[in-house]
Amino acid sequence: MHYFQRLIARVRAWQANRRVPRLIVHPLALGFTPPIHRDVSANGVRFYSVCVSCGSRLNASATLCEDCAQKKSRQARPY
């Protein structure tokens, strides 16, 4: 009898746990850092990053290239 009580308690706890709404955290909300890529050659190692929007190669460690940054920025409103 004790076995069935424990089994029923575990099923009820499982059901109660499933009813709790889960907080879904988007990976970009945690702070996105662009991956740094590298090219290794006989002359040395060259590090670069890639634009998140268009995928173009960037020399600096940035998330957007100049063109994509200009497209995403808002223009100032005339007052």
Protein backbone atom coordinates (compact mmCIF):
# COMPACT_ATOMS: atom_id res chain seq x y z
CA MET A 1 0.00 0.00 0.00
CA HIS A 2 2.84 2.35 0.87
CA TYR A 3 4.33 1.75 -2.61
CA PHE A 4 1.13 2.90 -4.33
CA GLN A 5 0.89 6.01 -2.16
CA ARG A 6 4.46 6.98 -3.08
CA LEU A 7 3.74 6.27 -6.75
CA ILE A 8 0.61 8.43 -6.71
CA ALA A 9 2.50 11.22 -4.89
CA ARG A 10 5.25 11.15 -7.51
CA VAL A 11 2.71 11.33 -10.36
CA ARG A 12 0.93 14.27 -8.70
CA ALA A 13 4.22 16.09 -8.14
CA TRP A 14 5.17 15.49 -11.76
CA GLN A 15 1.84 16.88 -12.96
CA ALA A 16 2.14 19.93 -10.70
CA ASN A 17 5.65 20.56 -11.99
CA ARG A 18 4.43 20.44 -15.59
CA ARG A 19 1.74 23.04 -14.90
CA VAL A 20 4.25 25.64 -13.70
CA PRO A 21 4.93 28.07 -16.55
CA ARG A 22 8.55 27.95 -17.59
CA LEU A 23 10.54 31.08 -18.23
CA ILE A 24 12.05 30.87 -21.69
CA VAL A 25 15.20 32.92 -21.97
CA HIS A 26 16.21 33.88 -25.46
CA PRO A 27 19.95 33.46 -26.04
CA LEU A 28 20.28 37.04 -27.27
CA ALA A 29 18.74 38.35 -24.07
CA LEU A 30 21.69 37.02 -22.08
CA GLY A 31 24.14 39.24 -23.88
CA PHE A 32 25.37 38.08 -27.21
CA THR A 33 29.07 38.10 -27.82
CA PRO A 34 30.13 37.47 -31.40
CA PRO A 35 32.41 34.52 -31.89
CA ILE A 36 35.95 35.36 -32.82
CA HIS A 37 37.18 33.36 -35.80
CA ARG A 38 40.78 32.76 -36.71
CA ASP A 39 42.80 31.88 -39.77
CA VAL A 40 45.99 29.99 -39.06
CA SER A 41 48.75 30.12 -41.66
CA ALA A 42 52.50 29.63 -41.75
CA ASN A 43 52.93 33.39 -41.27
CA GLY A 44 50.82 33.57 -38.12
CA VAL A 45 47.25 33.76 -36.84
CA ARG A 46 44.72 36.36 -37.98
CA PHE A 47 41.63 36.95 -35.85
CA TYR A 48 38.38 38.32 -37.22
CA SER A 49 34.65 38.42 -36.48
CA VAL A 50 31.59 38.15 -38.73
CA CYS A 51 28.68 40.59 -39.04
CA VAL A 52 25.57 39.16 -37.37
CA SER A 53 23.21 40.62 -39.96
CA CYS A 54 24.87 40.07 -43.33
CA GLY A 55 27.80 37.76 -42.54
CA SER A 56 30.55 39.96 -43.94
CA ARG A 57 34.01 39.64 -42.47
CA LEU A 58 35.06 42.31 -39.95
CA ASN A 59 38.60 43.13 -38.88
CA ALA A 60 37.55 44.48 -35.49
CA SER A 61 35.63 42.66 -32.80
CA ALA A 62 32.17 44.04 -33.56
CA THR A 63 28.69 42.65 -34.04
CA LEU A 64 27.56 44.69 -37.06
CA CYS A 65 29.34 46.12 -40.07
CA GLU A 66 29.00 49.83 -40.83
CA ASP A 67 26.32 49.32 -43.51
CA CYS A 68 24.11 47.14 -41.28
CA ALA A 69 24.60 49.51 -38.34
CA GLN A 70 23.45 52.44 -40.49
CA LYS A 71 20.39 50.51 -41.66
CA LYS A 72 19.39 49.56 -38.13
CA SER A 73 19.94 52.98 -36.56
CA ARG A 74 17.01 55.35 -36.46
CA GLN A 75 17.19 58.74 -38.05
CA ALA A 76 16.74 61.70 -35.76
CA ARG A 77 13.28 63.25 -35.85
CA PRO A 78 13.10 66.93 -36.77
CA TYR A 79 11.62 68.95 -33.89
